């Protein structure tokens, strides 16, 4: 698998710590969902930590050698599987492992992962004193901010206009309106 035949339509919301990635993702999910889009999210982290709680039955199942462990509750489900980066041809192929779970989503917003070949949107806040990543990373499609940025070749989208940011993301990903093909009464 390669990024070119990416089955998972995704766009990455990136930025430095505390610049507002989580808030922007949540607002975009709310905006896009209100329009009728089915949106999934993935939180990317470079930190190594246990997602399945040690001592819990599901963790014991995995430690016993289960290749995949699911947790099913009345209100929330999860699946855990061991991942080995050697099994993927490219870093972006890791996301394809999620394809089946996200198959009904028209778009998946990934929080983080600056190393991806997928489209990236940076969220940036001048008050935190760091330069936008887009100054040195030409693969970033746009910067979302409340602040003015001088001398940046990358487009800047207004942070206060979530609807416009959502419109641009839909445009970048080429996602059809959720109403296309539905019978209107």
N, C-alpha and C. Protein backbone atom coordinates (compact mmCIF):
# COMPACT_ATOMS: atom_id res chain seq x y z
N UNK A 1 0.83 -1.20 0.00
CA UNK A 1 0.00 0.00 0.00
C UNK A 1 0.86 1.24 0.00
N UNK A 2 0.42 2.25 -0.69
CA UNK A 2 1.14 3.52 -0.68
C UNK A 2 0.15 4.64 -0.43
N UNK A 3 0.67 5.81 -0.13
CA UNK A 3 -0.19 6.96 0.14
C UNK A 3 -1.04 7.31 -1.07
N UNK A 4 -0.56 6.99 -2.29
CA UNK A 4 -1.31 7.33 -3.50
C UNK A 4 -2.63 6.59 -3.57
N UNK A 5 -2.69 5.33 -3.10
CA UNK A 5 -3.95 4.60 -3.15
C UNK A 5 -4.61 4.55 -1.78
N UNK A 6 -4.38 5.57 -1.03
CA UNK A 6 -4.89 5.71 0.32
C UNK A 6 -6.41 5.48 0.37
N UNK A 7 -6.82 4.44 1.06
CA UNK A 7 -8.24 4.14 1.20
C UNK A 7 -8.89 5.02 2.26
N UNK A 8 -8.12 5.48 3.18
CA UNK A 8 -8.60 6.28 4.30
C UNK A 8 -8.43 7.76 3.94
N UNK A 9 -9.53 8.45 3.63
CA UNK A 9 -9.44 9.89 3.33
C UNK A 9 -9.13 10.60 4.64
N UNK A 10 -7.94 11.18 4.70
CA UNK A 10 -7.55 11.81 5.96
C UNK A 10 -6.80 13.10 5.70
N UNK A 11 -6.93 13.96 6.68
CA UNK A 11 -6.16 15.20 6.69
C UNK A 11 -5.63 15.36 8.11
N UNK A 12 -4.38 15.79 8.21
CA UNK A 12 -3.72 15.89 9.51
C UNK A 12 -3.75 17.33 10.01
N UNK A 13 -4.16 17.48 11.26
CA UNK A 13 -4.11 18.78 11.94
C UNK A 13 -2.86 18.72 12.80
N UNK A 14 -1.86 19.51 12.43
CA UNK A 14 -0.57 19.47 13.12
C UNK A 14 -0.28 20.82 13.78
N UNK A 15 0.73 20.84 14.59
CA UNK A 15 1.17 22.06 15.25
C UNK A 15 1.97 21.71 16.48
N UNK A 16 2.60 22.70 17.02
CA UNK A 16 3.40 22.48 18.22
C UNK A 16 2.48 22.33 19.43
N UNK A 17 3.05 21.87 20.53
CA UNK A 17 2.31 21.65 21.77
C UNK A 17 1.59 22.93 22.20
N UNK A 18 0.34 22.77 22.58
CA UNK A 18 -0.52 23.84 23.11
C UNK A 18 -0.94 24.89 22.08
N UNK A 19 -0.79 24.61 20.81
CA UNK A 19 -1.22 25.57 19.79
C UNK A 19 -2.68 25.40 19.41
N UNK A 20 -3.35 24.36 19.92
CA UNK A 20 -4.78 24.23 19.72
C UNK A 20 -5.22 23.12 18.77
N UNK A 21 -4.41 22.11 18.60
CA UNK A 21 -4.76 21.01 17.69
C UNK A 21 -6.05 20.30 18.12
N UNK A 22 -6.12 19.91 19.38
CA UNK A 22 -7.29 19.18 19.87
C UNK A 22 -8.55 20.01 19.74
N UNK A 23 -8.47 21.27 20.11
CA UNK A 23 -9.64 22.15 20.02
C UNK A 23 -10.09 22.30 18.57
N UNK A 24 -9.14 22.50 17.66
CA UNK A 24 -9.50 22.65 16.24
C UNK A 24 -10.12 21.37 15.70
N UNK A 25 -9.55 20.22 16.03
CA UNK A 25 -10.12 18.95 15.57
C UNK A 25 -11.55 18.82 16.07
N UNK A 26 -11.78 19.07 17.36
CA UNK A 26 -13.13 18.95 17.93
C UNK A 26 -14.11 19.90 17.24
N UNK A 27 -13.69 21.13 16.98
CA UNK A 27 -14.57 22.10 16.32
C UNK A 27 -14.86 21.69 14.87
N UNK A 28 -13.86 21.14 14.19
CA UNK A 28 -14.07 20.69 12.82
C UNK A 28 -14.99 19.48 12.77
N UNK A 29 -14.84 18.56 13.71
CA UNK A 29 -15.74 17.41 13.78
C UNK A 29 -17.17 17.89 13.98
N UNK A 30 -17.34 18.82 14.89
CA UNK A 30 -18.69 19.35 15.17
C UNK A 30 -19.26 20.03 13.92
N UNK A 31 -18.48 20.85 13.25
CA UNK A 31 -18.94 21.57 12.06
C UNK A 31 -19.28 20.61 10.93
N UNK A 32 -18.37 19.70 10.62
CA UNK A 32 -18.58 18.77 9.52
C UNK A 32 -19.73 17.80 9.82
N UNK A 33 -19.83 17.35 11.06
CA UNK A 33 -20.92 16.45 11.44
C UNK A 33 -22.26 17.15 11.33
N UNK A 34 -22.30 18.43 11.68
CA UNK A 34 -23.56 19.18 11.58
C UNK A 34 -24.02 19.33 10.13
N UNK A 35 -23.09 19.19 9.20
CA UNK A 35 -23.41 19.26 7.78
C UNK A 35 -23.83 17.90 7.22
N UNK A 36 -23.74 16.88 8.04
CA UNK A 36 -24.13 15.55 7.61
C UNK A 36 -22.99 14.63 7.23
N UNK A 37 -21.75 15.11 7.34
CA UNK A 37 -20.60 14.26 7.04
C UNK A 37 -20.38 13.29 8.20
N UNK A 38 -19.92 12.10 7.86
CA UNK A 38 -19.51 11.13 8.88
C UNK A 38 -17.99 11.27 9.01
N UNK A 39 -17.53 11.74 10.18
CA UNK A 39 -16.13 12.08 10.40
C UNK A 39 -15.54 11.18 11.47
N UNK A 40 -14.37 10.62 11.20
CA UNK A 40 -13.63 9.87 12.19
C UNK A 40 -12.41 10.65 12.62
N UNK A 41 -11.84 10.28 13.74
CA UNK A 41 -10.62 10.93 14.21
C UNK A 41 -9.61 9.88 14.67
N UNK A 42 -8.36 10.23 14.53
CA UNK A 42 -7.25 9.43 15.05
C UNK A 42 -6.31 10.39 15.75
N UNK A 43 -5.90 10.04 16.96
CA UNK A 43 -4.90 10.83 17.68
C UNK A 43 -3.55 10.15 17.47
N UNK A 44 -2.64 10.83 16.80
CA UNK A 44 -1.29 10.30 16.58
C UNK A 44 -0.40 10.82 17.70
N UNK A 45 0.42 9.94 18.23
CA UNK A 45 1.38 10.36 19.24
C UNK A 45 2.71 9.66 18.98
N UNK A 46 3.77 10.35 19.26
CA UNK A 46 5.09 9.75 19.12
C UNK A 46 5.54 9.15 20.45
N UNK A 47 4.74 9.34 21.50
CA UNK A 47 5.07 8.79 22.81
C UNK A 47 4.73 7.31 22.86
N UNK A 48 5.56 6.54 23.51
CA UNK A 48 5.31 5.12 23.70
C UNK A 48 4.58 4.96 25.03
N UNK A 49 3.34 4.53 25.01
CA UNK A 49 2.63 4.26 26.26
C UNK A 49 1.59 3.19 26.03
N UNK A 50 1.15 2.60 27.11
CA UNK A 50 0.18 1.51 27.07
C UNK A 50 -1.21 2.09 26.91
N UNK A 51 -1.92 1.66 25.87
CA UNK A 51 -3.29 2.12 25.65
C UNK A 51 -4.29 1.23 26.37
N UNK A 52 -3.94 -0.02 26.52
CA UNK A 52 -4.80 -1.00 27.18
C UNK A 52 -4.27 -1.16 28.60
N UNK A 53 -5.10 -0.95 29.60
CA UNK A 53 -4.66 -0.90 30.99
C UNK A 53 -4.10 -2.22 31.50
N UNK A 54 -2.85 -2.22 31.97
CA UNK A 54 -2.29 -3.43 32.56
C UNK A 54 -3.17 -3.91 33.73
N UNK A 55 -3.32 -5.22 33.80
CA UNK A 55 -4.14 -5.81 34.85
C UNK A 55 -5.58 -6.07 34.42
N UNK A 56 -6.05 -5.37 33.40
CA UNK A 56 -7.41 -5.58 32.89
C UNK A 56 -7.44 -6.87 32.07
N UNK A 57 -8.63 -7.45 31.96
CA UNK A 57 -8.76 -8.72 31.23
C UNK A 57 -8.27 -8.60 29.79
N UNK A 58 -8.62 -7.51 29.12
CA UNK A 58 -8.21 -7.35 27.72
C UNK A 58 -6.69 -7.31 27.60
N UNK A 59 -6.04 -6.67 28.53
CA UNK A 59 -4.58 -6.61 28.54
C UNK A 59 -4.00 -8.01 28.75
N UNK A 60 -4.60 -8.78 29.65
CA UNK A 60 -4.15 -10.16 29.90
C UNK A 60 -4.31 -11.01 28.65
N UNK A 61 -5.40 -10.79 27.90
CA UNK A 61 -5.62 -11.52 26.65
C UNK A 61 -4.49 -11.23 25.66
N UNK A 62 -4.15 -9.95 25.54
CA UNK A 62 -3.10 -9.54 24.59
C UNK A 62 -1.76 -10.11 25.02
N UNK A 63 -1.46 -10.01 26.32
CA UNK A 63 -0.19 -10.55 26.81
C UNK A 63 -0.10 -12.06 26.64
N UNK A 64 -1.27 -12.73 26.64
CA UNK A 64 -1.28 -14.18 26.45
C UNK A 64 -1.01 -14.56 25.00
N UNK A 65 -1.07 -13.58 24.09
CA UNK A 65 -0.73 -13.85 22.70
C UNK A 65 -1.82 -13.57 21.70
N UNK A 66 -2.96 -13.03 22.13
CA UNK A 66 -4.03 -12.70 21.18
C UNK A 66 -3.51 -11.67 20.18
N UNK A 67 -3.75 -11.91 18.90
CA UNK A 67 -3.30 -11.00 17.85
C UNK A 67 -4.10 -9.71 17.86
N UNK A 68 -5.39 -9.82 18.18
CA UNK A 68 -6.29 -8.67 18.25
C UNK A 68 -7.17 -8.86 19.46
N UNK A 69 -7.38 -7.78 20.20
CA UNK A 69 -8.24 -7.83 21.38
C UNK A 69 -9.29 -6.74 21.25
N UNK A 70 -10.54 -7.10 21.40
CA UNK A 70 -11.62 -6.13 21.35
C UNK A 70 -12.24 -5.94 22.71
N UNK A 71 -12.75 -4.76 22.93
CA UNK A 71 -13.52 -4.47 24.13
C UNK A 71 -14.88 -3.96 23.66
N UNK A 72 -15.93 -4.57 24.16
CA UNK A 72 -17.28 -4.23 23.76
C UNK A 72 -18.08 -3.89 25.00
N UNK A 73 -18.58 -2.65 25.05
CA UNK A 73 -19.43 -2.23 26.16
C UNK A 73 -20.75 -1.73 25.58
N UNK A 74 -21.64 -1.34 26.43
CA UNK A 74 -22.92 -0.83 25.94
C UNK A 74 -22.78 0.47 25.17
N UNK A 75 -21.76 1.25 25.50
CA UNK A 75 -21.66 2.56 24.88
C UNK A 75 -20.35 2.86 24.16
N UNK A 76 -19.35 1.98 24.27
CA UNK A 76 -18.06 2.27 23.66
C UNK A 76 -17.34 0.96 23.33
N UNK A 77 -16.76 0.90 22.16
CA UNK A 77 -16.02 -0.28 21.72
C UNK A 77 -14.60 0.13 21.36
N UNK A 78 -13.68 -0.82 21.48
CA UNK A 78 -12.29 -0.54 21.11
C UNK A 78 -11.65 -1.83 20.62
N UNK A 79 -10.63 -1.68 19.79
CA UNK A 79 -9.84 -2.81 19.31
C UNK A 79 -8.37 -2.45 19.49
N UNK A 80 -7.62 -3.39 20.06
CA UNK A 80 -6.18 -3.20 20.25
C UNK A 80 -5.46 -4.28 19.47
N UNK A 81 -4.38 -3.90 18.78
CA UNK A 81 -3.52 -4.89 18.15
C UNK A 81 -2.10 -4.41 18.24
N UNK A 82 -1.18 -5.37 18.33
CA UNK A 82 0.23 -5.05 18.39
C UNK A 82 0.67 -4.57 17.02
N UNK A 83 1.48 -3.56 16.97
CA UNK A 83 1.93 -3.01 15.70
C UNK A 83 3.45 -3.09 15.63
N UNK A 84 3.92 -3.47 14.48
CA UNK A 84 5.36 -3.53 14.22
C UNK A 84 5.61 -2.69 12.98
N UNK A 85 6.37 -1.61 13.11
CA UNK A 85 6.60 -0.73 11.97
C UNK A 85 7.23 -1.45 10.79
N UNK A 86 7.89 -2.57 11.02
CA UNK A 86 8.54 -3.31 9.93
C UNK A 86 7.51 -3.93 8.98
N UNK A 87 6.27 -4.09 9.43
CA UNK A 87 5.25 -4.69 8.57
C UNK A 87 4.67 -3.71 7.56
N UNK A 88 5.05 -2.45 7.63
CA UNK A 88 4.52 -1.43 6.74
C UNK A 88 5.61 -0.91 5.82
N UNK A 89 5.29 -0.78 4.53
CA UNK A 89 6.26 -0.30 3.55
C UNK A 89 6.63 1.16 3.78
N UNK A 90 5.64 1.98 4.17
CA UNK A 90 5.88 3.39 4.44
C UNK A 90 5.19 3.76 5.75
N UNK A 91 5.61 4.84 6.40
CA UNK A 91 4.93 5.25 7.64
C UNK A 91 3.43 5.51 7.43
N UNK A 92 3.05 6.00 6.25
CA UNK A 92 1.63 6.28 6.00
C UNK A 92 0.80 5.01 5.88
N UNK A 93 1.42 3.87 5.57
CA UNK A 93 0.68 2.62 5.48
C UNK A 93 0.07 2.21 6.82
N UNK A 94 0.63 2.70 7.92
CA UNK A 94 0.08 2.38 9.25
C UNK A 94 -1.38 2.79 9.34
N UNK A 95 -1.73 3.89 8.69
CA UNK A 95 -3.11 4.37 8.76
C UNK A 95 -4.09 3.44 8.05
N UNK A 96 -3.61 2.71 7.05
CA UNK A 96 -4.50 1.79 6.33
C UNK A 96 -4.99 0.67 7.21
N UNK A 97 -4.27 0.37 8.30
CA UNK A 97 -4.73 -0.64 9.24
C UNK A 97 -6.07 -0.23 9.87
N UNK A 98 -6.38 1.05 9.84
CA UNK A 98 -7.63 1.57 10.39
C UNK A 98 -8.76 1.60 9.37
N UNK A 99 -8.44 1.33 8.10
CA UNK A 99 -9.41 1.51 7.01
C UNK A 99 -10.75 0.84 7.25
N UNK A 100 -10.72 -0.40 7.68
CA UNK A 100 -11.99 -1.12 7.88
C UNK A 100 -12.84 -0.45 8.95
N UNK A 101 -12.23 -0.04 10.05
CA UNK A 101 -12.99 0.61 11.12
C UNK A 101 -13.54 1.97 10.71
N UNK A 102 -12.86 2.63 9.77
CA UNK A 102 -13.25 3.97 9.35
C UNK A 102 -13.93 3.97 7.98
N UNK A 103 -14.30 2.80 7.49
CA UNK A 103 -14.84 2.67 6.13
C UNK A 103 -16.08 3.53 5.89
N UNK A 104 -16.90 3.73 6.90
CA UNK A 104 -18.11 4.53 6.73
C UNK A 104 -17.89 6.02 6.89
N UNK A 105 -16.66 6.42 7.14
CA UNK A 105 -16.35 7.84 7.31
C UNK A 105 -15.98 8.46 5.97
N UNK A 106 -16.52 9.64 5.73
CA UNK A 106 -16.15 10.36 4.51
C UNK A 106 -14.81 11.06 4.68
N UNK A 107 -14.43 11.32 5.92
CA UNK A 107 -13.18 12.01 6.22
C UNK A 107 -12.70 11.58 7.59
N UNK A 108 -11.39 11.44 7.72
CA UNK A 108 -10.78 11.18 9.02
C UNK A 108 -9.81 12.31 9.31
N UNK A 109 -10.01 12.94 10.45
CA UNK A 109 -9.10 13.99 10.91
C UNK A 109 -8.09 13.35 11.86
N UNK A 110 -6.83 13.50 11.54
CA UNK A 110 -5.77 12.95 12.37
C UNK A 110 -5.13 14.10 13.11
N UNK A 111 -5.08 13.98 14.43
CA UNK A 111 -4.40 15.00 15.23
C UNK A 111 -2.93 14.60 15.34
N UNK A 112 -2.08 15.37 14.67
CA UNK A 112 -0.64 15.13 14.74
C UNK A 112 -0.09 14.39 13.54
N UNK A 113 1.18 14.07 13.60
CA UNK A 113 1.99 13.35 12.63
C UNK A 113 2.51 14.27 11.53
N UNK A 114 3.58 14.94 11.83
CA UNK A 114 4.21 15.85 10.87
C UNK A 114 4.94 15.11 9.76
N UNK A 115 5.19 13.80 9.94
CA UNK A 115 5.98 13.03 8.97
C UNK A 115 5.15 12.42 7.85
N UNK A 116 3.86 12.61 7.86
CA UNK A 116 2.99 11.99 6.87
C UNK A 116 3.10 12.63 5.50
N UNK A 117 2.73 11.86 4.48
CA UNK A 117 2.62 12.40 3.13
C UNK A 117 1.20 12.89 2.85
N UNK A 118 0.27 12.61 3.76
CA UNK A 118 -1.12 13.05 3.60
C UNK A 118 -1.19 14.56 3.79
N UNK A 119 -2.29 15.18 3.34
CA UNK A 119 -2.43 16.64 3.52
C UNK A 119 -2.36 17.03 4.99
N UNK A 120 -1.66 18.16 5.24
CA UNK A 120 -1.48 18.66 6.61
C UNK A 120 -1.92 20.11 6.68
N UNK A 121 -2.60 20.43 7.77
CA UNK A 121 -3.01 21.79 8.09
C UNK A 121 -2.40 22.09 9.45
N UNK A 122 -1.70 23.21 9.56
CA UNK A 122 -1.07 23.58 10.83
C UNK A 122 -1.95 24.57 11.59
N UNK A 123 -2.06 24.37 12.89
CA UNK A 123 -2.70 25.35 13.75
C UNK A 123 -1.57 26.03 14.53
N UNK A 124 -1.62 27.37 14.59
CA UNK A 124 -0.49 28.13 15.14
C UNK A 124 -0.99 29.31 15.96
N UNK A 125 -0.28 29.58 17.08
CA UNK A 125 -0.59 30.73 17.93
C UNK A 125 0.70 31.52 18.18
N UNK A 126 0.70 32.76 17.75
CA UNK A 126 1.88 33.63 17.90
C UNK A 126 2.27 33.80 19.36
N UNK A 127 1.30 33.87 20.26
CA UNK A 127 1.58 34.14 21.67
C UNK A 127 2.47 33.10 22.33
N UNK A 128 2.63 31.93 21.72
CA UNK A 128 3.47 30.90 22.30
C UNK A 128 4.93 31.02 21.88
N UNK A 129 5.23 31.98 20.99
CA UNK A 129 6.60 32.34 20.69
C UNK A 129 7.38 31.46 19.73
N UNK A 130 6.75 30.52 19.10
CA UNK A 130 7.47 29.69 18.14
C UNK A 130 7.07 30.08 16.72
N UNK A 131 7.94 29.78 15.79
CA UNK A 131 7.65 30.05 14.38
C UNK A 131 6.69 28.98 13.85
N UNK A 132 5.88 29.31 12.86
CA UNK A 132 5.05 28.29 12.24
C UNK A 132 5.91 27.21 11.59
N UNK A 133 5.48 25.96 11.71
CA UNK A 133 6.18 24.85 11.06
C UNK A 133 6.20 25.05 9.54
N UNK A 134 5.19 25.72 9.02
CA UNK A 134 5.07 25.95 7.58
C UNK A 134 6.23 26.78 7.02
N UNK A 135 6.95 27.49 7.87
CA UNK A 135 8.11 28.26 7.38
C UNK A 135 9.19 27.33 6.83
N UNK A 136 9.27 26.10 7.38
CA UNK A 136 10.31 25.17 6.94
C UNK A 136 9.74 23.89 6.33
N UNK A 137 8.43 23.74 6.33
CA UNK A 137 7.80 22.54 5.77
C UNK A 137 6.83 22.95 4.68
N UNK A 138 7.27 22.83 3.44
CA UNK A 138 6.45 23.26 2.30
C UNK A 138 5.29 22.31 2.01
N UNK A 139 5.24 21.17 2.69
CA UNK A 139 4.14 20.24 2.46
C UNK A 139 2.87 20.61 3.23
N UNK A 140 2.97 21.57 4.12
CA UNK A 140 1.80 22.03 4.88
C UNK A 140 0.93 22.86 3.95
N UNK A 141 -0.36 22.48 3.85
CA UNK A 141 -1.28 23.11 2.90
C UNK A 141 -1.76 24.48 3.33
N UNK A 142 -1.89 24.70 4.66
CA UNK A 142 -2.38 25.98 5.17
C UNK A 142 -2.07 26.08 6.65
N UNK A 143 -2.10 27.31 7.15
CA UNK A 143 -1.94 27.57 8.58
C UNK A 143 -3.24 28.21 9.06
N UNK A 144 -3.79 27.65 10.14
CA UNK A 144 -5.01 28.18 10.74
C UNK A 144 -4.59 28.95 11.98
N UNK A 145 -4.95 30.24 12.03
CA UNK A 145 -4.50 31.08 13.14
C UNK A 145 -5.39 32.31 13.30
N UNK A 146 -5.33 32.89 14.49
CA UNK A 146 -5.97 34.19 14.76
C UNK A 146 -5.00 35.32 14.42
N UNK A 147 -3.73 34.98 14.24
CA UNK A 147 -2.67 35.97 14.14
C UNK A 147 -2.25 36.26 12.69
N UNK A 148 -1.65 37.41 12.50
CA UNK A 148 -1.06 37.76 11.21
C UNK A 148 0.30 37.08 11.11
N UNK A 149 0.63 36.60 9.92
CA UNK A 149 1.94 35.99 9.70
C UNK A 149 2.55 36.68 8.49
N UNK A 150 3.68 37.30 8.72
CA UNK A 150 4.39 38.01 7.65
C UNK A 150 5.28 37.05 6.87
N UNK A 151 5.31 37.23 5.54
CA UNK A 151 6.26 36.53 4.69
C UNK A 151 6.11 35.02 4.60
N UNK A 152 4.91 34.52 4.76
CA UNK A 152 4.67 33.08 4.67
C UNK A 152 4.02 32.77 3.33
N UNK A 153 4.62 31.85 2.57
CA UNK A 153 4.08 31.49 1.26
C UNK A 153 2.84 30.60 1.38
N UNK A 154 2.69 29.91 2.49
CA UNK A 154 1.56 29.02 2.73
C UNK A 154 0.30 29.83 2.99
N UNK A 155 -0.86 29.42 2.45
CA UNK A 155 -2.11 30.14 2.74
C UNK A 155 -2.41 30.16 4.24
N UNK A 156 -3.00 31.25 4.70
CA UNK A 156 -3.40 31.40 6.10
C UNK A 156 -4.92 31.47 6.13
N UNK A 157 -5.52 30.60 6.95
CA UNK A 157 -6.98 30.57 7.10
C UNK A 157 -7.35 31.12 8.46
N UNK A 158 -8.43 31.89 8.54
CA UNK A 158 -8.82 32.51 9.81
C UNK A 158 -9.34 31.49 10.83
N UNK A 159 -8.73 31.43 11.97
CA UNK A 159 -9.09 30.48 13.03
C UNK A 159 -10.53 30.70 13.50
N UNK A 160 -10.99 31.93 13.45
CA UNK A 160 -12.33 32.24 13.96
C UNK A 160 -13.45 31.77 13.03
N UNK A 161 -13.12 31.38 11.80
CA UNK A 161 -14.13 30.98 10.83
C UNK A 161 -14.04 29.47 10.56
N UNK A 162 -14.55 28.68 11.50
CA UNK A 162 -14.50 27.21 11.39
C UNK A 162 -15.22 26.73 10.14
N UNK A 163 -16.32 27.38 9.78
CA UNK A 163 -17.06 26.97 8.58
C UNK A 163 -16.18 27.09 7.34
N UNK A 164 -15.42 28.18 7.24
CA UNK A 164 -14.53 28.37 6.09
C UNK A 164 -13.39 27.35 6.10
N UNK A 165 -12.85 27.05 7.27
CA UNK A 165 -11.79 26.04 7.37
C UNK A 165 -12.35 24.68 6.94
N UNK A 166 -13.54 24.35 7.39
CA UNK A 166 -14.18 23.09 7.00
C UNK A 166 -14.41 23.04 5.49
N UNK A 167 -14.85 24.17 4.91
CA UNK A 167 -15.04 24.23 3.45
C UNK A 167 -13.75 23.92 2.72
N UNK A 168 -12.65 24.49 3.18
CA UNK A 168 -11.35 24.29 2.53
C UNK A 168 -10.89 22.84 2.64
N UNK A 169 -11.13 22.22 3.79
CA UNK A 169 -10.74 20.83 3.99
C UNK A 169 -11.55 19.92 3.07
N UNK A 170 -12.84 20.17 2.97
CA UNK A 170 -13.69 19.40 2.07
C UNK A 170 -13.19 19.55 0.63
N UNK A 171 -12.79 20.77 0.28
CA UNK A 171 -12.26 21.04 -1.05
C UNK A 171 -10.94 20.28 -1.30
N UNK A 172 -10.02 20.35 -0.33
CA UNK A 172 -8.73 19.66 -0.47
C UNK A 172 -8.93 18.17 -0.67
N UNK A 173 -9.81 17.58 0.10
CA UNK A 173 -10.03 16.14 0.05
C UNK A 173 -10.97 15.72 -1.08
N UNK A 174 -11.63 16.69 -1.71
CA UNK A 174 -12.53 16.36 -2.80
C UNK A 174 -13.72 15.52 -2.35
N UNK A 175 -14.25 15.85 -1.19
CA UNK A 175 -15.34 15.07 -0.61
C UNK A 175 -16.68 15.60 -1.11
N UNK A 176 -17.49 14.70 -1.60
CA UNK A 176 -18.82 15.08 -2.08
C UNK A 176 -19.70 15.47 -0.90
N UNK A 177 -20.65 16.32 -1.17
CA UNK A 177 -21.61 16.72 -0.15
C UNK A 177 -22.33 15.48 0.36
N UNK A 178 -22.62 15.42 1.65
CA UNK A 178 -23.32 14.25 2.18
C UNK A 178 -24.73 14.12 1.60
N UNK A 179 -25.24 15.16 0.96
CA UNK A 179 -26.57 15.13 0.40
C UNK A 179 -26.59 14.63 -1.05
N UNK A 180 -25.41 14.45 -1.66
CA UNK A 180 -25.34 13.98 -3.04
C UNK A 180 -25.89 12.56 -3.09
N UNK A 181 -26.82 12.33 -4.02
CA UNK A 181 -27.39 11.00 -4.19
C UNK A 181 -28.56 10.70 -3.28
N UNK A 182 -28.89 11.60 -2.37
CA UNK A 182 -30.04 11.39 -1.49
C UNK A 182 -31.26 11.99 -2.14
N UNK A 183 -32.40 11.36 -1.94
CA UNK A 183 -33.65 11.90 -2.44
C UNK A 183 -34.08 13.07 -1.58
N UNK A 184 -34.31 14.17 -2.22
CA UNK A 184 -34.78 15.36 -1.47
C UNK A 184 -36.28 15.44 -1.62
N UNK A 185 -36.95 15.72 -0.51
CA UNK A 185 -38.42 15.79 -0.55
C UNK A 185 -38.88 17.20 -0.44
